[in-house]
Amino acid sequence: MTELRWYYPRSVHAITAGNPGARARLYRNSIAPQWVFTACIICMWAFRARAGALLMLGPSTTLRLGIALVTAALSVDLLPLRRRTLFARHNWPELVRSTLGYADPLVSRT
């Protein structure tokens, strides 16, 4: 919650002000703690000699794999249709900006 109320708005302000390295710092400070936390969990899990299957890291069932593949295929198949529908509208850039405007500071510029 602290990040949402304090760090993120401060980072967005630094990005919009044009501070060099502000966007890269936001990326690093957002992603690094997640990987550190993940590494800590994996180390604790290994230190306690628990089975990986308890984390569902083992092989999946054929049904689950089939559901995942069908879902991925449908998603990939429907994306061009959604894109054509969006680009058919004359005001599509404004629609995208208004819908995804909150994420603008996170979008890479290079």
PDB file of N, CA and C in Angstrom:
ATOM      1  N   MET A   1       0.821  -1.191   0.000  1.00  0.00           N
ATOM      2  CA  MET A   1       0.000   0.000   0.000  1.00  0.00           C
ATOM      3  C   MET A   1       0.865   1.255   0.000  1.00  0.00           C
ATOM      4  N   THR A   2       1.991   1.186   0.663  1.00  0.00           N
ATOM      5  CA  THR A   2       2.892   2.333   0.693  1.00  0.00           C
ATOM      6  C   THR A   2       3.370   2.670  -0.710  1.00  0.00           C
ATOM      7  N   GLU A   3       3.630   1.636  -1.492  1.00  0.00           N
ATOM      8  CA  GLU A   3       4.100   1.874  -2.855  1.00  0.00           C
ATOM      9  C   GLU A   3       3.050   2.611  -3.669  1.00  0.00           C
ATOM     10  N   LEU A   4       1.803   2.212  -3.527  1.00  0.00           N
ATOM     11  CA  LEU A   4       0.731   2.828  -4.300  1.00  0.00           C
ATOM     12  C   LEU A   4       0.510   4.283  -3.903  1.00  0.00           C
ATOM     13  N   ARG A   5       0.621   4.588  -2.642  1.00  0.00           N
ATOM     14  CA  ARG A   5       0.345   5.948  -2.174  1.00  0.00           C
ATOM     15  C   ARG A   5       1.552   6.865  -2.199  1.00  0.00           C
ATOM     16  N   TRP A   6       2.746   6.300  -2.090  1.00  0.00           N
ATOM     17  CA  TRP A   6       3.914   7.153  -1.961  1.00  0.00           C
ATOM     18  C   TRP A   6       4.892   6.970  -3.114  1.00  0.00           C
ATOM     19  N   TYR A   7       5.391   5.758  -3.314  1.00  0.00           N
ATOM     20  CA  TYR A   7       6.473   5.531  -4.266  1.00  0.00           C
ATOM     21  C   TYR A   7       6.017   5.716  -5.714  1.00  0.00           C
ATOM     22  N   TYR A   8       4.924   5.096  -6.105  1.00  0.00           N
ATOM     23  CA  TYR A   8       4.496   5.171  -7.502  1.00  0.00           C
ATOM     24  C   TYR A   8       4.168   6.604  -7.927  1.00  0.00           C
ATOM     25  N   PRO A   9       3.370   7.358  -7.162  1.00  0.00           N
ATOM     26  CA  PRO A   9       3.128   8.748  -7.584  1.00  0.00           C
ATOM     27  C   PRO A   9       4.411   9.573  -7.662  1.00  0.00           C
ATOM     28  N   ARG A  10       5.321   9.330  -6.746  1.00  0.00           N
ATOM     29  CA  ARG A  10       6.588  10.053  -6.776  1.00  0.00           C
ATOM     30  C   ARG A  10       7.386   9.674  -8.024  1.00  0.00           C
ATOM     31  N   SER A  11       7.378   8.408  -8.390  1.00  0.00           N
ATOM     32  CA  SER A  11       8.076   7.952  -9.591  1.00  0.00           C
ATOM     33  C   SER A  11       7.435   8.513 -10.845  1.00  0.00           C
ATOM     34  N   VAL A  12       6.121   8.533 -10.895  1.00  0.00           N
ATOM     35  CA  VAL A  12       5.417   9.102 -12.053  1.00  0.00           C
ATOM     36  C   VAL A  12       5.764  10.580 -12.197  1.00  0.00           C
ATOM     37  N   HIS A  13       5.820  11.282 -11.096  1.00  0.00           N
ATOM     38  CA  HIS A  13       6.184  12.702 -11.137  1.00  0.00           C
ATOM     39  C   HIS A  13       7.606  12.869 -11.676  1.00  0.00           C
ATOM     40  N   ALA A  14       8.525  12.014 -11.241  1.00  0.00           N
ATOM     41  CA  ALA A  14       9.906  12.087 -11.717  1.00  0.00           C
ATOM     42  C   ALA A  14       9.983  11.775 -13.211  1.00  0.00           C
ATOM     43  N   ILE A  15       9.191  10.827 -13.685  1.00  0.00           N
ATOM     44  CA  ILE A  15       9.187  10.476 -15.106  1.00  0.00           C
ATOM     45  C   ILE A  15       8.633  11.628 -15.931  1.00  0.00           C
ATOM     46  N   THR A  16       7.516  12.193 -15.506  1.00  0.00           N
ATOM     47  CA  THR A  16       6.913  13.299 -16.264  1.00  0.00           C
ATOM     48  C   THR A  16       7.783  14.551 -16.210  1.00  0.00           C
ATOM     49  N   ALA A  17       8.569  14.703 -15.152  1.00  0.00           N
ATOM     50  CA  ALA A  17       9.481  15.847 -15.057  1.00  0.00           C
ATOM     51  C   ALA A  17      10.712  15.651 -15.935  1.00  0.00           C
ATOM     52  N   GLY A  18      10.893  14.448 -16.441  1.00  0.00           N
ATOM     53  CA  GLY A  18      12.014  14.181 -17.338  1.00  0.00           C
ATOM     54  C   GLY A  18      13.316  13.858 -16.634  1.00  0.00           C
ATOM     55  N   ASN A  19      13.246  13.418 -15.397  1.00  0.00           N
ATOM     56  CA  ASN A  19      14.468  13.047 -14.669  1.00  0.00           C
ATOM     57  C   ASN A  19      15.124  11.854 -15.349  1.00  0.00           C
ATOM     58  N   PRO A  20      16.428  11.956 -15.652  1.00  0.00           N
ATOM     59  CA  PRO A  20      17.089  10.841 -16.325  1.00  0.00           C
ATOM     60  C   PRO A  20      17.139   9.595 -15.427  1.00  0.00           C
ATOM     61  N   GLY A  21      16.807   8.471 -16.003  1.00  0.00           N
ATOM     62  CA  GLY A  21      16.848   7.206 -15.281  1.00  0.00           C
ATOM     63  C   GLY A  21      15.653   6.923 -14.401  1.00  0.00           C
ATOM     64  N   ALA A  22      14.656   7.801 -14.393  1.00  0.00           N
ATOM     65  CA  ALA A  22      13.506   7.607 -13.503  1.00  0.00           C
ATOM     66  C   ALA A  22      12.684   6.381 -13.908  1.00  0.00           C
ATOM     67  N   ARG A  23      12.481   6.193 -15.205  1.00  0.00           N
ATOM     68  CA  ARG A  23      11.684   5.048 -15.662  1.00  0.00           C
ATOM     69  C   ARG A  23      12.412   3.736 -15.379  1.00  0.00           C
ATOM     70  N   ALA A  24      13.717   3.707 -15.662  1.00  0.00           N
ATOM     71  CA  ALA A  24      14.499   2.495 -15.390  1.00  0.00           C
ATOM     72  C   ALA A  24      14.521   2.197 -13.888  1.00  0.00           C
ATOM     73  N   ARG A  25      14.605   3.223 -13.065  1.00  0.00           N
ATOM     74  CA  ARG A  25      14.584   3.035 -11.614  1.00  0.00           C
ATOM     75  C   ARG A  25      13.242   2.457 -11.164  1.00  0.00           C
ATOM     76  N   LEU A  26      12.148   2.946 -11.762  1.00  0.00           N
ATOM     77  CA  LEU A  26      10.822   2.412 -11.431  1.00  0.00           C
ATOM     78  C   LEU A  26      10.732   0.941 -11.824  1.00  0.00           C
ATOM     79  N   TYR A  27      11.234   0.599 -13.022  1.00  0.00           N
ATOM     80  CA  TYR A  27      11.233  -0.807 -13.448  1.00  0.00           C
ATOM     81  C   TYR A  27      12.021  -1.661 -12.456  1.00  0.00           C
ATOM     82  N   ARG A  28      13.241  -1.223 -12.164  1.00  0.00           N
ATOM     83  CA  ARG A  28      14.115  -2.001 -11.280  1.00  0.00           C
ATOM     84  C   ARG A  28      13.516  -2.147  -9.891  1.00  0.00           C
ATOM     85  N   ASN A  29      13.005  -1.068  -9.346  1.00  0.00           N
ATOM     86  CA  ASN A  29      12.480  -1.108  -7.987  1.00  0.00           C
ATOM     87  C   ASN A  29      11.126  -1.814  -7.903  1.00  0.00           C
ATOM     88  N   SER A  30      10.494  -2.053  -9.029  1.00  0.00           N
ATOM     89  CA  SER A  30       9.240  -2.810  -9.034  1.00  0.00           C
ATOM     90  C   SER A  30       9.494  -4.306  -9.207  1.00  0.00           C
ATOM     91  N   ILE A  31      10.469  -4.638 -10.035  1.00  0.00           N
ATOM     92  CA  ILE A  31      10.704  -6.037 -10.372  1.00  0.00           C
ATOM     93  C   ILE A  31      11.662  -6.724  -9.399  1.00  0.00           C
ATOM     94  N   ALA A  32      12.704  -6.037  -8.981  1.00  0.00           N
ATOM     95  CA  ALA A  32      13.717  -6.652  -8.113  1.00  0.00           C
ATOM     96  C   ALA A  32      13.128  -7.208  -6.812  1.00  0.00           C
ATOM     97  N   PRO A  33      12.277  -6.475  -6.084  1.00  0.00           N
ATOM     98  CA  PRO A  33      11.733  -7.060  -4.850  1.00  0.00           C
ATOM     99  C   PRO A  33      10.916  -8.325  -5.089  1.00  0.00           C
ATOM    100  N   GLN A  34      10.240  -8.401  -6.213  1.00  0.00           N
ATOM    101  CA  GLN A  34       9.460  -9.598  -6.509  1.00  0.00           C
ATOM    102  C   GLN A  34      10.379 -10.808  -6.682  1.00  0.00           C
ATOM    103  N   TRP A  35      11.507 -10.630  -7.385  1.00  0.00           N
ATOM    104  CA  TRP A  35      12.439 -11.734  -7.577  1.00  0.00           C
ATOM    105  C   TRP A  35      13.152 -12.085  -6.281  1.00  0.00           C
ATOM    106  N   VAL A  36      13.466 -11.092  -5.472  1.00  0.00           N
ATOM    107  CA  VAL A  36      14.103 -11.371  -4.182  1.00  0.00           C
ATOM    108  C   VAL A  36      13.148 -12.177  -3.301  1.00  0.00           C
ATOM    109  N   PHE A  37      11.893 -11.769  -3.258  1.00  0.00           N
ATOM    110  CA  PHE A  37      10.892 -12.493  -2.475  1.00  0.00           C
ATOM    111  C   PHE A  37      10.750 -13.925  -2.986  1.00  0.00           C
ATOM    112  N   THR A  38      10.697 -14.090  -4.306  1.00  0.00           N
ATOM    113  CA  THR A  38      10.588 -15.424  -4.892  1.00  0.00           C
ATOM    114  C   THR A  38      11.798 -16.276  -4.531  1.00  0.00           C
ATOM    115  N   ALA A  39      12.994 -15.708  -4.619  1.00  0.00           N
ATOM    116  CA  ALA A  39      14.209 -16.448  -4.275  1.00  0.00           C
ATOM    117  C   ALA A  39      14.205 -16.848  -2.803  1.00  0.00           C
ATOM    118  N   CYS A  40      13.734 -15.968  -1.936  1.00  0.00           N
ATOM    119  CA  CYS A  40      13.655 -16.301  -0.506  1.00  0.00           C
ATOM    120  C   CYS A  40      12.702 -17.464  -0.262  1.00  0.00           C
ATOM    121  N   ILE A  41      11.559 -17.439  -0.915  1.00  0.00           N
ATOM    122  CA  ILE A  41      10.593 -18.533  -0.753  1.00  0.00           C
ATOM    123  C   ILE A  41      11.200 -19.847  -1.251  1.00  0.00           C
ATOM    124  N   ILE A  42      11.848 -19.829  -2.392  1.00  0.00           N
ATOM    125  CA  ILE A  42      12.447 -21.051  -2.937  1.00  0.00           C
ATOM    126  C   ILE A  42      13.547 -21.562  -2.010  1.00  0.00           C
ATOM    127  N   CYS A  43      14.375 -20.653  -1.487  1.00  0.00           N
ATOM    128  CA  CYS A  43      15.437 -21.070  -0.553  1.00  0.00           C
ATOM    129  C   CYS A  43      14.859 -21.662   0.723  1.00  0.00           C
ATOM    130  N   MET A  44      13.833 -21.028   1.266  1.00  0.00           N
ATOM    131  CA  MET A  44      13.204 -21.572   2.477  1.00  0.00           C
ATOM    132  C   MET A  44      12.590 -22.930   2.199  1.00  0.00           C
ATOM    133  N   TRP A  45      11.966 -23.074   1.041  1.00  0.00           N
ATOM    134  CA  TRP A  45      11.336 -24.341   0.668  1.00  0.00           C
ATOM    135  C   TRP A  45      12.397 -25.434   0.544  1.00  0.00           C
ATOM    136  N   ALA A  46      13.509 -25.116  -0.100  1.00  0.00           N
ATOM    137  CA  ALA A  46      14.581 -26.097  -0.268  1.00  0.00           C
ATOM    138  C   ALA A  46      15.250 -26.402   1.060  1.00  0.00           C
ATOM    139  N   PHE A  47      15.444 -25.401   1.898  1.00  0.00           N
ATOM    140  CA  PHE A  47      16.088 -25.594   3.203  1.00  0.00           C
ATOM    141  C   PHE A  47      15.265 -26.541   4.074  1.00  0.00           C
ATOM    142  N   ARG A  48      13.972 -26.474   3.959  1.00  0.00           N
ATOM    143  CA  ARG A  48      13.104 -27.355   4.751  1.00  0.00           C
ATOM    144  C   ARG A  48      12.861 -28.700   4.069  1.00  0.00           C
ATOM    145  N   ALA A  49      13.479 -28.897   2.914  1.00  0.00           N
ATOM    146  CA  ALA A  49      13.422 -30.153   2.151  1.00  0.00           C
ATOM    147  C   ALA A  49      11.988 -30.566   1.835  1.00  0.00           C
ATOM    148  N   ARG A  50      11.205 -29.615   1.409  1.00  0.00           N
ATOM    149  CA  ARG A  50       9.829 -29.928   1.021  1.00  0.00           C
ATOM    150  C   ARG A  50       9.779 -30.302  -0.455  1.00  0.00           C
ATOM    151  N   ALA A  51       8.792 -31.071  -0.826  1.00  0.00           N
ATOM    152  CA  ALA A  51       8.659 -31.546  -2.202  1.00  0.00           C
ATOM    153  C   ALA A  51       8.165 -30.418  -3.113  1.00  0.00           C
ATOM    154  N   GLY A  52       8.714 -30.373  -4.310  1.00  0.00           N
ATOM    155  CA  GLY A  52       8.293 -29.375  -5.291  1.00  0.00           C
ATOM    156  C   GLY A  52       6.865 -29.574  -5.747  1.00  0.00           C
ATOM    157  N   ALA A  53       6.368 -30.795  -5.657  1.00  0.00           N
ATOM    158  CA  ALA A  53       4.999 -31.080  -6.077  1.00  0.00           C
ATOM    159  C   ALA A  53       3.979 -30.340  -5.216  1.00  0.00           C
ATOM    160  N   LEU A  54       4.345 -30.010  -3.974  1.00  0.00           N
ATOM    161  CA  LEU A  54       3.435 -29.263  -3.109  1.00  0.00           C
ATOM    162  C   LEU A  54       3.208 -27.840  -3.619  1.00  0.00           C
ATOM    163  N   LEU A  55       4.161 -27.330  -4.391  1.00  0.00           N
ATOM    164  CA  LEU A  55       4.010 -26.015  -5.017  1.00  0.00           C
ATOM    165  C   LEU A  55       3.407 -26.126  -6.415  1.00  0.00           C
ATOM    166  N   MET A  56       3.016 -27.332  -6.758  1.00  0.00           N
ATOM    167  CA  MET A  56       2.464 -27.636  -8.081  1.00  0.00           C
ATOM    168  C   MET A  56       3.471 -27.311  -9.185  1.00  0.00           C
ATOM    169  N   LEU A  57       4.728 -27.620  -8.927  1.00  0.00           N
ATOM    170  CA  LEU A  57       5.773 -27.408  -9.918  1.00  0.00           C
ATOM    171  C   LEU A  57       6.031 -28.656 -10.753  1.00  0.00           C
ATOM    172  N   GLY A  58       5.335 -29.712 -10.446  1.00  0.00           N
ATOM    173  CA  GLY A  58       5.518 -30.963 -11.166  1.00  0.00           C
ATOM    174  C   GLY A  58       4.765 -30.960 -12.483  1.00  0.00           C
ATOM    175  N   PRO A  59       4.762 -32.092 -13.147  1.00  0.00           N
ATOM    176  CA  PRO A  59       4.062 -32.194 -14.439  1.00  0.00           C
ATOM    177  C   PRO A  59       2.551 -32.038 -14.252  1.00  0.00           C
ATOM    178  N   SER A  60       1.926 -31.501 -15.272  1.00  0.00           N
ATOM    179  CA  SER A  60       0.488 -31.262 -15.232  1.00  0.00           C
ATOM    180  C   SER A  60      -0.267 -32.451 -15.821  1.00  0.00           C
ATOM    181  N   THR A  61      -1.570 -32.435 -15.638  1.00  0.00           N
ATOM    182  CA  THR A  61      -2.398 -33.477 -16.246  1.00  0.00           C
ATOM    183  C   THR A  61      -2.675 -33.113 -17.700  1.00  0.00           C
ATOM    184  N   THR A  62      -3.066 -34.082 -18.459  1.00  0.00           N
ATOM    185  CA  THR A  62      -3.368 -33.859 -19.870  1.00  0.00           C
ATOM    186  C   THR A  62      -4.544 -32.902 -20.027  1.00  0.00           C
ATOM    187  N   LEU A  63      -5.538 -33.006 -19.157  1.00  0.00           N
ATOM    188  CA  LEU A  63      -6.699 -32.122 -19.227  1.00  0.00           C
ATOM    189  C   LEU A  63      -6.293 -30.666 -19.017  1.00  0.00           C
ATOM    190  N   ARG A  64      -5.482 -30.404 -18.004  1.00  0.00           N
ATOM    191  CA  ARG A  64      -5.045 -29.027 -17.744  1.00  0.00           C
ATOM    192  C   ARG A  64      -4.214 -28.480 -18.900  1.00  0.00           C
ATOM    193  N   LEU A  65      -3.346 -29.313 -19.451  1.00  0.00           N
ATOM    194  CA  LEU A  65      -2.542 -28.878 -20.584  1.00  0.00           C
ATOM    195  C   LEU A  65      -3.445 -28.566 -21.769  1.00  0.00           C
ATOM    196  N   GLY A  66      -4.437 -29.401 -22.019  1.00  0.00           N
ATOM    197  CA  GLY A  66      -5.370 -29.166 -23.117  1.00  0.00           C
ATOM    198  C   GLY A  66      -6.146 -27.870 -22.937  1.00  0.00           C
ATOM    199  N   ILE A  67      -6.623 -27.624 -21.727  1.00  0.00           N
ATOM    200  CA  ILE A  67      -7.362 -26.380 -21.451  1.00  0.00           C
ATOM    201  C   ILE A  67      -6.456 -25.171 -21.678  1.00  0.00           C
ATOM    202  N   ALA A  68      -5.219 -25.248 -21.233  1.00  0.00           N
ATOM    203  CA  ALA A  68      -4.286 -24.141 -21.413  1.00  0.00           C
ATOM    204  C   ALA A  68      -3.993 -23.894 -22.888  1.00  0.00           C
ATOM    205  N   LEU A  69      -3.792 -24.958 -23.649  1.00  0.00           N
ATOM    206  CA  LEU A  69      -3.507 -24.803 -25.078  1.00  0.00           C
ATOM    207  C   LEU A  69      -4.703 -24.245 -25.843  1.00  0.00           C
ATOM    208  N   VAL A  70      -5.900 -24.704 -25.517  1.00  0.00           N
ATOM    209  CA  VAL A  70      -7.099 -24.188 -26.182  1.00  0.00           C
ATOM    210  C   VAL A  70      -7.303 -22.711 -25.840  1.00  0.00           C
ATOM    211  N   THR A  71      -7.109 -22.355 -24.587  1.00  0.00           N
ATOM    212  CA  THR A  71      -7.252 -20.958 -24.177  1.00  0.00           C
ATOM    213  C   THR A  71      -6.229 -20.080 -24.885  1.00  0.00           C
ATOM    214  N   ALA A  72      -4.980 -20.532 -24.972  1.00  0.00           N
ATOM    215  CA  ALA A  72      -3.945 -19.761 -25.662  1.00  0.00           C
ATOM    216  C   ALA A  72      -4.265 -19.636 -27.149  1.00  0.00           C
ATOM    217  N   ALA A  73      -4.722 -20.725 -27.774  1.00  0.00           N
ATOM    218  CA  ALA A  73      -5.056 -20.682 -29.198  1.00  0.00           C
ATOM    219  C   ALA A  73      -6.217 -19.731 -29.461  1.00  0.00           C
ATOM    220  N   LEU A  74      -7.236 -19.763 -28.615  1.00  0.00           N
ATOM    221  CA  LEU A  74      -8.361 -18.842 -28.795  1.00  0.00           C
ATOM    222  C   LEU A  74      -7.930 -17.387 -28.613  1.00  0.00           C
ATOM    223  N   SER A  75      -7.075 -17.154 -27.655  1.00  0.00           N
ATOM    224  CA  SER A  75      -6.592 -15.793 -27.429  1.00  0.00           C
ATOM    225  C   SER A  75      -5.816 -15.290 -28.630  1.00  0.00           C
ATOM    226  N   VAL A  76      -4.915 -16.106 -29.142  1.00  0.00           N
ATOM    227  CA  VAL A  76      -4.116 -15.709 -30.299  1.00  0.00           C
ATOM    228  C   VAL A  76      -5.007 -15.555 -31.526  1.00  0.00           C
ATOM    229  N   ASP A  77      -6.024 -16.389 -31.652  1.00  0.00           N
ATOM    230  CA  ASP A  77      -6.925 -16.325 -32.802  1.00  0.00           C
ATOM    231  C   ASP A  77      -7.814 -15.085 -32.750  1.00  0.00           C
ATOM    232  N   LEU A  78      -8.219 -14.665 -31.556  1.00  0.00           N
ATOM    233  CA  LEU A  78      -9.141 -13.536 -31.442  1.00  0.00           C
ATOM    234  C   LEU A  78      -8.449 -12.175 -31.440  1.00  0.00           C
ATOM    235  N   LEU A  79      -7.150 -12.125 -31.184  1.00  0.00           N
ATOM    236  CA  LEU A  79      -6.448 -10.844 -31.152  1.00  0.00           C
ATOM    237  C   LEU A  79      -6.520 -10.068 -32.471  1.00  0.00           C
ATOM    238  N   PRO A  80      -6.295 -10.696 -33.637  1.00  0.00           N
ATOM    239  CA  PRO A  80      -6.417  -9.931 -34.883  1.00  0.00           C
ATOM    240  C   PRO A  80      -7.835  -9.397 -35.109  1.00  0.00           C
ATOM    241  N   LEU A  81      -8.837 -10.160 -34.704  1.00  0.00           N
ATOM    242  CA  LEU A  81     -10.215  -9.692 -34.840  1.00  0.00           C
ATOM    243  C   LEU A  81     -10.455  -8.452 -33.986  1.00  0.00           C
ATOM    244  N   ARG A  82      -9.984  -8.490 -32.746  1.00  0.00           N
ATOM    245  CA  ARG A  82     -10.123  -7.324 -31.864  1.00  0.00           C
ATOM    246  C   ARG A  82      -9.355  -6.122 -32.418  1.00  0.00           C
ATOM    247  N   ARG A  83      -8.193  -6.399 -32.984  1.00  0.00           N
ATOM    248  CA  ARG A  83      -7.384  -5.317 -33.547  1.00  0.00           C
ATOM    249  C   ARG A  83      -8.091  -4.672 -34.732  1.00  0.00           C
ATOM    250  N   ARG A  84      -8.634  -5.479 -35.633  1.00  0.00           N
ATOM    251  CA  ARG A  84      -9.369  -4.931 -36.780  1.00  0.00           C
ATOM    252  C   ARG A  84     -10.573  -4.119 -36.327  1.00  0.00           C
ATOM    253  N   THR A  85     -11.280  -4.622 -35.309  1.00  0.00           N
ATOM    254  CA  THR A  85     -12.441  -3.909 -34.786  1.00  0.00           C
ATOM    255  C   THR A  85     -12.033  -2.558 -34.210  1.00  0.00           C
ATOM    256  N   LEU A  86     -10.941  -2.541 -33.479  1.00  0.00           N
ATOM    257  CA  LEU A  86     -10.471  -1.289 -32.886  1.00  0.00           C
ATOM    258  C   LEU A  86      -9.997  -0.316 -33.956  1.00  0.00           C
ATOM    259  N   PHE A  87      -9.199  -0.787 -34.906  1.00  0.00           N
ATOM    260  CA  PHE A  87      -8.648   0.101 -35.930  1.00  0.00           C
ATOM    261  C   PHE A  87      -9.706   0.584 -36.915  1.00  0.00           C
ATOM    262  N   ALA A  88     -10.867  -0.059 -36.954  1.00  0.00           N
ATOM    263  CA  ALA A  88     -11.944   0.395 -37.839  1.00  0.00           C
ATOM    264  C   ALA A  88     -12.580   1.688 -37.332  1.00  0.00           C
ATOM    265  N   ARG A  89     -12.405   1.971 -36.055  1.00  0.00           N
ATOM    266  CA  ARG A  89     -12.974   3.196 -35.482  1.00  0.00           C
ATOM    267  C   ARG A  89     -12.051   4.364 -35.801  1.00  0.00           C
ATOM    268  N   HIS A  90     -12.647   5.487 -36.137  1.00  0.00           N
ATOM    269  CA  HIS A  90     -11.843   6.643 -36.529  1.00  0.00           C
ATOM    270  C   HIS A  90     -11.094   7.272 -35.353  1.00  0.00           C
ATOM    271  N   ASN A  91     -11.573   7.096 -34.151  1.00  0.00           N
ATOM    272  CA  ASN A  91     -10.948   7.717 -32.981  1.00  0.00           C
ATOM    273  C   ASN A  91     -10.198   6.704 -32.117  1.00  0.00           C
ATOM    274  N   TRP A  92      -9.631   5.665 -32.719  1.00  0.00           N
ATOM    275  CA  TRP A  92      -9.002   4.613 -31.934  1.00  0.00           C
ATOM    276  C   TRP A  92      -7.820   5.092 -31.104  1.00  0.00           C
ATOM    277  N   PRO A  93      -6.986   6.039 -31.564  1.00  0.00           N
ATOM    278  CA  PRO A  93      -5.887   6.457 -30.675  1.00  0.00           C
ATOM    279  C   PRO A  93      -6.394   7.082 -29.368  1.00  0.00           C
ATOM    280  N   GLU A  94      -7.457   7.876 -29.448  1.00  0.00           N
ATOM    281  CA  GLU A  94      -8.012   8.480 -28.236  1.00  0.00           C
ATOM    282  C   GLU A  94      -8.614   7.425 -27.313  1.00  0.00           C
ATOM    283  N   LEU A  95      -9.243   6.412 -27.898  1.00  0.00           N
ATOM    284  CA  LEU A  95      -9.816   5.337 -27.091  1.00  0.00           C
ATOM    285  C   LEU A  95      -8.727   4.592 -26.321  1.00  0.00           C
ATOM    286  N   VAL A  96      -7.637   4.302 -27.004  1.00  0.00           N
ATOM    287  CA  VAL A  96      -6.541   3.579 -26.354  1.00  0.00           C
ATOM    288  C   VAL A  96      -5.925   4.441 -25.265  1.00  0.00           C
ATOM    289  N   ARG A  97      -5.702   5.727 -25.562  1.00  0.00           N
ATOM    290  CA  ARG A  97      -5.107   6.619 -24.561  1.00  0.00           C
ATOM    291  C   ARG A  97      -6.003   6.765 -23.335  1.00  0.00           C
ATOM    292  N   SER A  98      -7.315   6.883 -23.552  1.00  0.00           N
ATOM    293  CA  SER A  98      -8.209   7.050 -22.404  1.00  0.00           C
ATOM    294  C   SER A  98      -8.326   5.775 -21.588  1.00  0.00           C
ATOM    295  N   THR A  99      -8.264   4.629 -22.250  1.00  0.00           N
ATOM    296  CA  THR A  99      -8.383   3.362 -21.544  1.00  0.00           C
ATOM    297  C   THR A  99      -7.102   3.002 -20.800  1.00  0.00           C
ATOM    298  N   LEU A 100      -5.965   3.233 -21.424  1.00  0.00           N
ATOM    299  CA  LEU A 100      -4.692   2.814 -20.843  1.00  0.00           C
ATOM    300  C   LEU A 100      -3.835   3.990 -20.376  1.00  0.00           C
ATOM    301  N   GLY A 101      -4.428   5.138 -20.209  1.00  0.00           N
ATOM    302  CA  GLY A 101      -3.677   6.320 -19.818  1.00  0.00           C
ATOM    303  C   GLY A 101      -2.973   6.186 -18.491  1.00  0.00           C
ATOM    304  N   TYR A 102      -3.546   5.443 -17.558  1.00  0.00           N
ATOM    305  CA  TYR A 102      -2.935   5.268 -16.245  1.00  0.00           C
ATOM    306  C   TYR A 102      -1.607   4.530 -16.339  1.00  0.00           C
ATOM    307  N   ALA A 103      -1.414   3.738 -17.388  1.00  0.00           N
ATOM    308  CA  ALA A 103      -0.191   2.943 -17.525  1.00  0.00           C
ATOM    309  C   ALA A 103       0.874   3.658 -18.338  1.00  0.00           C
ATOM    310  N   ASP A 104       0.609   4.866 -18.785  1.00  0.00           N
ATOM    311  CA  ASP A 104       1.546   5.592 -19.640  1.00  0.00           C
ATOM    312  C   ASP A 104       2.939   5.727 -19.029  1.00  0.00           C
ATOM    313  N   PRO A 105       3.087   6.003 -17.730  1.00  0.00           N
ATOM    314  CA  PRO A 105       4.450   6.117 -17.182  1.00  0.00           C
ATOM    315  C   PRO A 105       5.240   4.815 -17.254  1.00  0.00           C
ATOM    316  N   LEU A 106       4.562   3.689 -17.350  1.00  0.00           N
ATOM    317  CA  LEU A 106       5.253   2.404 -17.393  1.00  0.00           C
ATOM    318  C   LEU A 106       5.671   1.991 -18.793  1.00  0.00           C
ATOM    319  N   VAL A 107       5.159   2.670 -19.810  1.00  0.00           N
ATOM    320  CA  VAL A 107       5.441   2.299 -21.183  1.00  0.00           C
ATOM    321  C   VAL A 107       6.843   2.774 -21.559  1.00  0.00           C
ATOM    322  N   SER A 108       7.618   1.869 -22.140  1.00  0.00           N
ATOM    323  CA  SER A 108       8.976   2.201 -22.547  1.00  0.00           C
ATOM    324  C   SER A 108       8.955   3.205 -23.690  1.00  0.00           C
ATOM    325  N   ARG A 109       9.925   4.067 -23.733  1.00  0.00           N
ATOM    326  CA  ARG A 109      10.022   5.087 -24.783  1.00  0.00           C
ATOM    327  C   ARG A 109      11.132   4.771 -25.786  1.00  0.00           C
ATOM    328  N   THR A 110      11.927   3.767 -25.495  1.00  0.00           N
ATOM    329  CA  THR A 110      13.012   3.427 -26.410  1.00  0.00           C
ATOM    330  C   THR A 110      12.902   1.975 -26.821  1.00  0.00           C
TER     331      THR A 110
END
